[in-house]
Amino acid sequence: MLEDNSQAGVYIKDLLFKYPQNEPVLRGISLKINPGERVALLGPTGTGKSTFMETLVGLKQPLSGEIWIQGILLEQKTLIQVRRQVGFCFQNPDDQLFMPTILEDITFGPLNYDLSPEIATEIAENLLVQFGLEKYANRSIYELSGGQKRLAALAAVLALKPEILILDEPTNGLDPLWRRNLAKILLQLPVKIILIASHDLNWVSKVTQRALILQAGKIQVDASTQNIIQDSSTLEYYGLPIDY
């Protein structure tokens, strides 16, 4: 199935990545994610979840292997084309928000895609309302809580209307009400694929249908999220006790 790379979706073949002077973090991962799938990426801290996600948008360069995004082979000459397809939300929103105000952060992407200031502002204002941030539009990130920063960073990503959404620990810093609200927003998005790395197992079980467990550089488990969440022995084995 991995041989047909021309169709939509995410195809990963024999992905190998290592940091200098270290053992490989990703050891020949092959994986297919089809349009319509919402996928959780699980694993204890330090297993390479963020590294894996960053290779999918060219932020880290694998030693070998292929990554196909929406039928496009990810390489230096296609990097801009691929990044137009994928919205990536970093684990730390401070790595993503850099403009003087939240409104400017959200309009930045659309303006760089040559949308008019009026349309970019309309998109941003709608997202600010959706995320309950409208009264913070003209404030800097330093005036926002950690959870509000995370929502603002996600709004900035969604302003570009990506086909694929990749989220790294999106519920960090969010209170229970906003974790629920974020789940509702994600379930209504018109994106084709969502990939979420999270330690919040109860939350991720509400927004994904498929889950992958990454450990020792490989995908050790690939099953429905509900089956994995209900399998306490498997979660314990891979260092993911659900009751803590």
C-alpha atoms as a PDB file:
ATOM      1  CA  MET A   1       0.000   0.000   0.000  1.00  0.00           C
ATOM      2  CA  LEU A   2       2.909   2.319   0.578  1.00  0.00           C
ATOM      3  CA  GLU A   3       4.002   2.050  -3.043  1.00  0.00           C
ATOM      4  CA  ASP A   4       1.153   4.264  -4.357  1.00  0.00           C
ATOM      5  CA  ASN A   5       2.304   7.710  -3.290  1.00  0.00           C
ATOM      6  CA  SER A   6       0.256   9.670  -5.803  1.00  0.00           C
ATOM      7  CA  GLN A   7      -2.944   9.899  -3.793  1.00  0.00           C
ATOM      8  CA  ALA A   8      -3.928  12.264  -1.027  1.00  0.00           C
ATOM      9  CA  GLY A   9      -2.834  11.592   2.526  1.00  0.00           C
ATOM     10  CA  VAL A  10       0.436  11.089   4.371  1.00  0.00           C
ATOM     11  CA  TYR A  11       2.853   8.309   3.346  1.00  0.00           C
ATOM     12  CA  ILE A  12       6.042   7.630   5.236  1.00  0.00           C
ATOM     13  CA  LYS A  13       8.507   4.980   4.079  1.00  0.00           C
ATOM     14  CA  ASP A  14      11.592   3.725   5.943  1.00  0.00           C
ATOM     15  CA  LEU A  15      12.073   6.979   7.871  1.00  0.00           C
ATOM     16  CA  LEU A  16      15.391   7.111   9.727  1.00  0.00           C
ATOM     17  CA  PHE A  17      16.467  10.051  11.890  1.00  0.00           C
ATOM     18  CA  LYS A  18      19.253  10.538  14.410  1.00  0.00           C
ATOM     19  CA  TYR A  19      20.915  13.441  16.188  1.00  0.00           C
ATOM     20  CA  PRO A  20      24.709  13.699  15.924  1.00  0.00           C
ATOM     21  CA  GLN A  21      26.588  11.455  18.362  1.00  0.00           C
ATOM     22  CA  ASN A  22      23.357   9.694  19.404  1.00  0.00           C
ATOM     23  CA  GLU A  23      21.479   6.522  18.633  1.00  0.00           C
ATOM     24  CA  PRO A  24      18.714   6.812  16.002  1.00  0.00           C
ATOM     25  CA  VAL A  25      15.482   8.350  17.305  1.00  0.00           C
ATOM     26  CA  LEU A  26      13.385   7.047  14.395  1.00  0.00           C
ATOM     27  CA  ARG A  27      14.337   3.615  13.081  1.00  0.00           C
ATOM     28  CA  GLY A  28      12.848   2.958   9.663  1.00  0.00           C
ATOM     29  CA  ILE A  29       9.248   3.997  10.270  1.00  0.00           C
ATOM     30  CA  SER A  30       6.740   3.212   7.511  1.00  0.00           C
ATOM     31  CA  LEU A  31       3.211   4.523   7.884  1.00  0.00           C
ATOM     32  CA  LYS A  32       0.129   5.553   5.923  1.00  0.00           C
ATOM     33  CA  ILE A  33      -2.509   8.047   7.098  1.00  0.00           C
ATOM     34  CA  ASN A  34      -5.547   8.361   4.866  1.00  0.00           C
ATOM     35  CA  PRO A  35      -7.784  11.405   4.318  1.00  0.00           C
ATOM     36  CA  GLY A  36     -10.508  11.522   6.939  1.00  0.00           C
ATOM     37  CA  GLU A  37      -8.364  10.026   9.708  1.00  0.00           C
ATOM     38  CA  ARG A  38      -7.734  11.661  13.066  1.00  0.00           C
ATOM     39  CA  VAL A  39      -4.687   9.993  14.605  1.00  0.00           C
ATOM     40  CA  ALA A  40      -3.150  10.136  18.079  1.00  0.00           C
ATOM     41  CA  LEU A  41       0.607   9.750  18.502  1.00  0.00           C
ATOM     42  CA  LEU A  42       1.327   8.347  21.950  1.00  0.00           C
ATOM     43  CA  GLY A  43       4.483   7.543  23.881  1.00  0.00           C
ATOM     44  CA  PRO A  44       6.359   8.587  27.015  1.00  0.00           C
ATOM     45  CA  THR A  45       8.409  11.778  27.061  1.00  0.00           C
ATOM     46  CA  GLY A  46      11.623  11.428  25.080  1.00  0.00           C
ATOM     47  CA  THR A  47      10.464   8.769  22.626  1.00  0.00           C
ATOM     48  CA  GLY A  48      10.732  11.090  19.609  1.00  0.00           C
ATOM     49  CA  LYS A  49       7.121  12.163  19.019  1.00  0.00           C
ATOM     50  CA  SER A  50       8.028  15.815  18.420  1.00  0.00           C
ATOM     51  CA  THR A  51      10.991  14.824  16.253  1.00  0.00           C
ATOM     52  CA  PHE A  52       8.765  12.588  14.148  1.00  0.00           C
ATOM     53  CA  MET A  53       6.196  15.345  13.622  1.00  0.00           C
ATOM     54  CA  GLU A  54       8.858  17.920  12.776  1.00  0.00           C
ATOM     55  CA  THR A  55      10.259  15.700  10.023  1.00  0.00           C
ATOM     56  CA  LEU A  56       6.822  15.736   8.365  1.00  0.00           C
ATOM     57  CA  VAL A  57       7.097  19.482   7.669  1.00  0.00           C
ATOM     58  CA  GLY A  58      10.817  19.598   6.953  1.00  0.00           C
ATOM     59  CA  LEU A  59      11.880  21.143  10.261  1.00  0.00           C
ATOM     60  CA  LYS A  60      14.203  18.188  10.773  1.00  0.00           C
ATOM     61  CA  GLN A  61      15.963  16.312   7.967  1.00  0.00           C
ATOM     62  CA  PRO A  62      15.919  12.505   8.122  1.00  0.00           C
ATOM     63  CA  LEU A  63      19.009  10.507   7.248  1.00  0.00           C
ATOM     64  CA  SER A  64      16.969   8.412   4.852  1.00  0.00           C
ATOM     65  CA  GLY A  65      13.442   7.488   3.883  1.00  0.00           C
ATOM     66  CA  GLU A  66      10.595   9.200   2.070  1.00  0.00           C
ATOM     67  CA  ILE A  67       7.757  11.457   3.208  1.00  0.00           C
ATOM     68  CA  TRP A  68       4.840  12.085   0.853  1.00  0.00           C
ATOM     69  CA  ILE A  69       2.283  14.759   1.745  1.00  0.00           C
ATOM     70  CA  GLN A  70      -0.836  14.943  -0.450  1.00  0.00           C
ATOM     71  CA  GLY A  71       1.037  13.194  -3.266  1.00  0.00           C
ATOM     72  CA  ILE A  72       4.079  15.496  -2.998  1.00  0.00           C
ATOM     73  CA  LEU A  73       7.488  14.070  -2.101  1.00  0.00           C
ATOM     74  CA  LEU A  74       8.940  16.212   0.698  1.00  0.00           C
ATOM     75  CA  GLU A  75      12.330  17.556  -0.373  1.00  0.00           C
ATOM     76  CA  GLN A  76      14.032  20.933  -0.422  1.00  0.00           C
ATOM     77  CA  LYS A  77      12.478  22.045  -3.701  1.00  0.00           C
ATOM     78  CA  THR A  78       8.936  21.129  -2.566  1.00  0.00           C
ATOM     79  CA  LEU A  79       9.212  22.430   1.008  1.00  0.00           C
ATOM     80  CA  ILE A  80       7.085  25.540   0.473  1.00  0.00           C
ATOM     81  CA  GLN A  81       4.475  23.553  -1.437  1.00  0.00           C
ATOM     82  CA  VAL A  82       4.220  20.951   1.352  1.00  0.00           C
ATOM     83  CA  ARG A  83       4.042  23.560   4.107  1.00  0.00           C
ATOM     84  CA  ARG A  84       1.063  25.141   2.369  1.00  0.00           C
ATOM     85  CA  GLN A  85      -0.736  21.835   2.906  1.00  0.00           C
ATOM     86  CA  VAL A  86       0.181  21.336   6.569  1.00  0.00           C
ATOM     87  CA  GLY A  87      -0.600  23.377   9.666  1.00  0.00           C
ATOM     88  CA  PHE A  88       1.896  22.620  12.445  1.00  0.00           C
ATOM     89  CA  CYS A  89       1.299  23.753  16.019  1.00  0.00           C
ATOM     90  CA  PHE A  90       4.390  23.601  18.240  1.00  0.00           C
ATOM     91  CA  GLN A  91       4.362  22.237  21.769  1.00  0.00           C
ATOM     92  CA  ASN A  92       5.530  25.644  23.031  1.00  0.00           C
ATOM     93  CA  PRO A  93       3.371  28.480  21.614  1.00  0.00           C
ATOM     94  CA  ASP A  94       6.168  30.970  22.325  1.00  0.00           C
ATOM     95  CA  ASP A  95       8.020  29.320  19.415  1.00  0.00           C
ATOM     96  CA  GLN A  96       5.174  30.292  17.103  1.00  0.00           C
ATOM     97  CA  LEU A  97       3.843  33.687  18.200  1.00  0.00           C
ATOM     98  CA  PHE A  98       6.174  36.579  17.419  1.00  0.00           C
ATOM     99  CA  MET A  99       4.155  39.603  16.242  1.00  0.00           C
ATOM    100  CA  PRO A 100       3.360  42.619  18.468  1.00  0.00           C
ATOM    101  CA  THR A 101      -0.314  41.594  18.856  1.00  0.00           C
ATOM    102  CA  ILE A 102      -2.361  38.409  18.634  1.00  0.00           C
ATOM    103  CA  LEU A 103      -4.398  39.825  15.752  1.00  0.00           C
ATOM    104  CA  GLU A 104      -1.196  40.426  13.778  1.00  0.00           C
ATOM    105  CA  ASP A 105       0.013  36.906  14.536  1.00  0.00           C
ATOM    106  CA  ILE A 106      -3.169  35.425  13.086  1.00  0.00           C
ATOM    107  CA  THR A 107      -3.234  37.674  10.005  1.00  0.00           C
ATOM    108  CA  PHE A 108       0.474  37.148   9.301  1.00  0.00           C
ATOM    109  CA  GLY A 109       0.042  33.881   7.386  1.00  0.00           C
ATOM    110  CA  PRO A 110      -2.921  34.925   5.213  1.00  0.00           C
ATOM    111  CA  LEU A 111      -1.178  38.200   4.311  1.00  0.00           C
ATOM    112  CA  ASN A 112       1.905  36.241   3.251  1.00  0.00           C
ATOM    113  CA  TYR A 113      -0.328  34.091   1.060  1.00  0.00           C
ATOM    114  CA  ASP A 114      -1.365  37.291  -0.705  1.00  0.00           C
ATOM    115  CA  LEU A 115      -4.836  37.659   0.789  1.00  0.00           C
ATOM    116  CA  SER A 116      -6.036  41.240   1.177  1.00  0.00           C
ATOM    117  CA  PRO A 117      -5.750  42.904   4.610  1.00  0.00           C
ATOM    118  CA  GLU A 118      -9.557  43.015   4.798  1.00  0.00           C
ATOM    119  CA  ILE A 119      -9.966  39.265   4.201  1.00  0.00           C
ATOM    120  CA  ALA A 120      -7.039  38.384   6.483  1.00  0.00           C
ATOM    121  CA  THR A 121      -8.524  40.491   9.274  1.00  0.00           C
ATOM    122  CA  GLU A 122     -11.952  38.934   8.785  1.00  0.00           C
ATOM    123  CA  ILE A 123     -10.459  35.431   9.040  1.00  0.00           C
ATOM    124  CA  ALA A 124      -8.525  36.415  12.175  1.00  0.00           C
ATOM    125  CA  GLU A 125     -11.498  38.049  13.878  1.00  0.00           C
ATOM    126  CA  ASN A 126     -13.692  35.003  13.242  1.00  0.00           C
ATOM    127  CA  LEU A 127     -11.048  32.721  14.746  1.00  0.00           C
ATOM    128  CA  LEU A 128     -10.588  35.002  17.756  1.00  0.00           C
ATOM    129  CA  VAL A 129     -14.313  34.730  18.463  1.00  0.00           C
ATOM    130  CA  GLN A 130     -14.245  30.951  17.957  1.00  0.00           C
ATOM    131  CA  PHE A 131     -11.429  30.641  20.510  1.00  0.00           C
ATOM    132  CA  GLY A 132     -12.838  33.149  22.976  1.00  0.00           C
ATOM    133  CA  LEU A 133      -9.930  35.540  22.461  1.00  0.00           C
ATOM    134  CA  GLU A 134     -11.666  38.503  20.816  1.00  0.00           C
ATOM    135  CA  LYS A 135     -10.972  40.865  23.723  1.00  0.00           C
ATOM    136  CA  TYR A 136      -7.259  40.041  23.517  1.00  0.00           C
ATOM    137  CA  ALA A 137      -6.922  40.842  19.801  1.00  0.00           C
ATOM    138  CA  ASN A 138      -4.677  43.853  20.328  1.00  0.00           C
ATOM    139  CA  ARG A 139      -2.653  42.473  23.203  1.00  0.00           C
ATOM    140  CA  SER A 140       0.784  40.863  23.064  1.00  0.00           C
ATOM    141  CA  ILE A 141       1.418  37.240  23.954  1.00  0.00           C
ATOM    142  CA  TYR A 142       3.008  38.428  27.218  1.00  0.00           C
ATOM    143  CA  GLU A 143      -0.435  39.450  28.433  1.00  0.00           C
ATOM    144  CA  LEU A 144      -1.951  36.006  27.829  1.00  0.00           C
ATOM    145  CA  SER A 145      -1.990  32.897  29.990  1.00  0.00           C
ATOM    146  CA  GLY A 146      -0.274  29.738  28.787  1.00  0.00           C
ATOM    147  CA  GLY A 147      -3.588  28.275  27.685  1.00  0.00           C
ATOM    148  CA  GLN A 148      -4.595  31.444  25.836  1.00  0.00           C
ATOM    149  CA  LYS A 149      -1.242  31.465  24.019  1.00  0.00           C
ATOM    150  CA  ARG A 150      -1.861  27.881  22.928  1.00  0.00           C
ATOM    151  CA  LEU A 151      -5.275  28.786  21.529  1.00  0.00           C
ATOM    152  CA  ALA A 152      -3.856  31.847  19.762  1.00  0.00           C
ATOM    153  CA  ALA A 153      -1.115  29.713  18.165  1.00  0.00           C
ATOM    154  CA  LEU A 154      -3.708  27.231  16.919  1.00  0.00           C
ATOM    155  CA  ALA A 155      -5.834  30.069  15.534  1.00  0.00           C
ATOM    156  CA  ALA A 156      -2.772  31.373  13.641  1.00  0.00           C
ATOM    157  CA  VAL A 157      -2.291  27.923  12.086  1.00  0.00           C
ATOM    158  CA  LEU A 158      -5.968  27.519  11.170  1.00  0.00           C
ATOM    159  CA  ALA A 159      -5.997  30.941   9.485  1.00  0.00           C
ATOM    160  CA  LEU A 160      -4.097  29.318   6.619  1.00  0.00           C
ATOM    161  CA  LYS A 161      -6.848  26.706   6.110  1.00  0.00           C
ATOM    162  CA  PRO A 162      -4.470  23.711   6.040  1.00  0.00           C
ATOM    163  CA  GLU A 163      -5.426  20.358   4.533  1.00  0.00           C
ATOM    164  CA  ILE A 164      -3.509  18.541   7.279  1.00  0.00           C
ATOM    165  CA  LEU A 165      -3.209  19.615  10.915  1.00  0.00           C
ATOM    166  CA  ILE A 166      -0.367  18.461  13.196  1.00  0.00           C
ATOM    167  CA  LEU A 167      -0.640  19.341  16.894  1.00  0.00           C
ATOM    168  CA  ASP A 168       2.052  18.759  19.529  1.00  0.00           C
ATOM    169  CA  GLU A 169       0.523  18.487  23.041  1.00  0.00           C
ATOM    170  CA  PRO A 170      -2.362  20.897  22.285  1.00  0.00           C
ATOM    171  CA  THR A 171      -4.048  20.631  25.714  1.00  0.00           C
ATOM    172  CA  ASN A 172      -1.029  21.672  27.786  1.00  0.00           C
ATOM    173  CA  GLY A 173      -2.067  24.633  29.946  1.00  0.00           C
ATOM    174  CA  LEU A 174      -5.769  24.394  29.080  1.00  0.00           C
ATOM    175  CA  ASP A 175      -8.380  24.140  31.803  1.00  0.00           C
ATOM    176  CA  PRO A 176     -11.096  21.436  31.540  1.00  0.00           C
ATOM    177  CA  LEU A 177     -13.631  23.767  29.899  1.00  0.00           C
ATOM    178  CA  TRP A 178     -11.211  24.729  27.129  1.00  0.00           C
ATOM    179  CA  ARG A 179     -10.060  21.156  26.636  1.00  0.00           C
ATOM    180  CA  ARG A 180     -13.706  20.335  25.926  1.00  0.00           C
ATOM    181  CA  ASN A 181     -14.132  23.379  23.683  1.00  0.00           C
ATOM    182  CA  LEU A 182     -10.964  22.527  21.756  1.00  0.00           C
ATOM    183  CA  ALA A 183     -12.241  18.993  21.190  1.00  0.00           C
ATOM    184  CA  LYS A 184     -15.465  20.398  19.721  1.00  0.00           C
ATOM    185  CA  ILE A 185     -13.533  22.764  17.434  1.00  0.00           C
ATOM    186  CA  LEU A 186     -11.237  20.012  16.154  1.00  0.00           C
ATOM    187  CA  LEU A 187     -14.131  17.663  15.438  1.00  0.00           C
ATOM    188  CA  GLN A 188     -15.783  20.341  13.273  1.00  0.00           C
ATOM    189  CA  LEU A 189     -12.726  21.380  11.262  1.00  0.00           C
ATOM    190  CA  PRO A 190     -12.813  20.761   7.488  1.00  0.00           C
ATOM    191  CA  VAL A 191      -9.197  19.500   7.438  1.00  0.00           C
ATOM    192  CA  LYS A 192      -8.496  16.130   5.808  1.00  0.00           C
ATOM    193  CA  ILE A 193      -6.092  14.698   8.392  1.00  0.00           C
ATOM    194  CA  ILE A 194      -5.330  15.505  12.032  1.00  0.00           C
ATOM    195  CA  LEU A 195      -2.262  14.082  13.803  1.00  0.00           C
ATOM    196  CA  ILE A 196      -2.027  14.831  17.531  1.00  0.00           C
ATOM    197  CA  ALA A 197       0.811  14.018  19.941  1.00  0.00           C
ATOM    198  CA  SER A 198      -0.563  14.026  23.478  1.00  0.00           C
ATOM    199  CA  HIS A 199      -0.164  12.612  26.965  1.00  0.00           C
ATOM    200  CA  ASP A 200      -3.796  13.505  27.700  1.00  0.00           C
ATOM    201  CA  LEU A 201      -5.213  10.058  26.979  1.00  0.00           C
ATOM    202  CA  ASN A 202      -8.790  10.714  28.042  1.00  0.00           C
ATOM    203  CA  TRP A 203      -8.965  13.858  25.901  1.00  0.00           C
ATOM    204  CA  VAL A 204      -7.292  12.330  22.859  1.00  0.00           C
ATOM    205  CA  SER A 205      -9.731   9.416  22.968  1.00  0.00           C
ATOM    206  CA  LYS A 206     -12.517  11.915  22.264  1.00  0.00           C
ATOM    207  CA  VAL A 207     -10.935  13.498  19.182  1.00  0.00           C
ATOM    208  CA  THR A 208      -9.139  10.653  17.373  1.00  0.00           C
ATOM    209  CA  GLN A 209     -10.166   7.295  15.920  1.00  0.00           C
ATOM    210  CA  ARG A 210      -6.714   5.733  15.490  1.00  0.00           C
ATOM    211  CA  ALA A 211      -3.713   5.709  17.802  1.00  0.00           C
ATOM    212  CA  LEU A 212      -0.026   4.929  17.330  1.00  0.00           C
ATOM    213  CA  ILE A 213       2.404   4.150  20.141  1.00  0.00           C
ATOM    214  CA  LEU A 214       5.974   5.205  19.377  1.00  0.00           C
ATOM    215  CA  GLN A 215       8.790   3.616  21.343  1.00  0.00           C
ATOM    216  CA  ALA A 216      12.378   2.573  20.597  1.00  0.00           C
ATOM    217  CA  GLY A 217      12.184   4.440  17.297  1.00  0.00           C
ATOM    218  CA  LYS A 218       9.332   2.395  15.872  1.00  0.00           C
ATOM    219  CA  ILE A 219       5.545   2.352  15.798  1.00  0.00           C
ATOM    220  CA  GLN A 220       4.940  -0.485  18.241  1.00  0.00           C
ATOM    221  CA  VAL A 221       1.137  -0.367  18.256  1.00  0.00           C
ATOM    222  CA  ASP A 222      -1.302   0.821  15.568  1.00  0.00           C
ATOM    223  CA  ALA A 223      -4.940   0.315  16.566  1.00  0.00           C
ATOM    224  CA  SER A 224      -8.192   2.145  17.214  1.00  0.00           C
ATOM    225  CA  THR A 225      -7.866   4.757  19.936  1.00  0.00           C
ATOM    226  CA  GLN A 226     -10.701   3.241  21.938  1.00  0.00           C
ATOM    227  CA  ASN A 227      -9.105  -0.213  21.897  1.00  0.00           C
ATOM    228  CA  ILE A 228      -5.775   1.176  23.078  1.00  0.00           C
ATOM    229  CA  ILE A 229      -7.318   3.358  25.797  1.00  0.00           C
ATOM    230  CA  GLN A 230      -9.252   0.359  27.130  1.00  0.00           C
ATOM    231  CA  ASP A 231      -6.177  -1.894  27.122  1.00  0.00           C
ATOM    232  CA  SER A 232      -4.581  -0.930  30.432  1.00  0.00           C
ATOM    233  CA  SER A 233      -1.924  -3.659  30.250  1.00  0.00           C
ATOM    234  CA  THR A 234      -0.627  -2.337  26.890  1.00  0.00           C
ATOM    235  CA  LEU A 235      -0.624   1.228  28.209  1.00  0.00           C
ATOM    236  CA  GLU A 236       1.295   0.138  31.324  1.00  0.00           C
ATOM    237  CA  TYR A 237       3.789  -1.819  29.210  1.00  0.00           C
ATOM    238  CA  TYR A 238       4.605   1.274  27.151  1.00  0.00           C
ATOM    239  CA  GLY A 239       4.741   3.619  30.144  1.00  0.00           C
ATOM    240  CA  LEU A 240       1.351   5.226  29.625  1.00  0.00           C
ATOM    241  CA  PRO A 241      -0.765   4.479  32.723  1.00  0.00           C
ATOM    242  CA  ILE A 242      -4.162   6.037  32.071  1.00  0.00           C
ATOM    243  CA  ASP A 243      -5.012   6.696  35.724  1.00  0.00           C
ATOM    244  CA  TYR A 244      -2.198   9.218  36.317  1.00  0.00           C
END
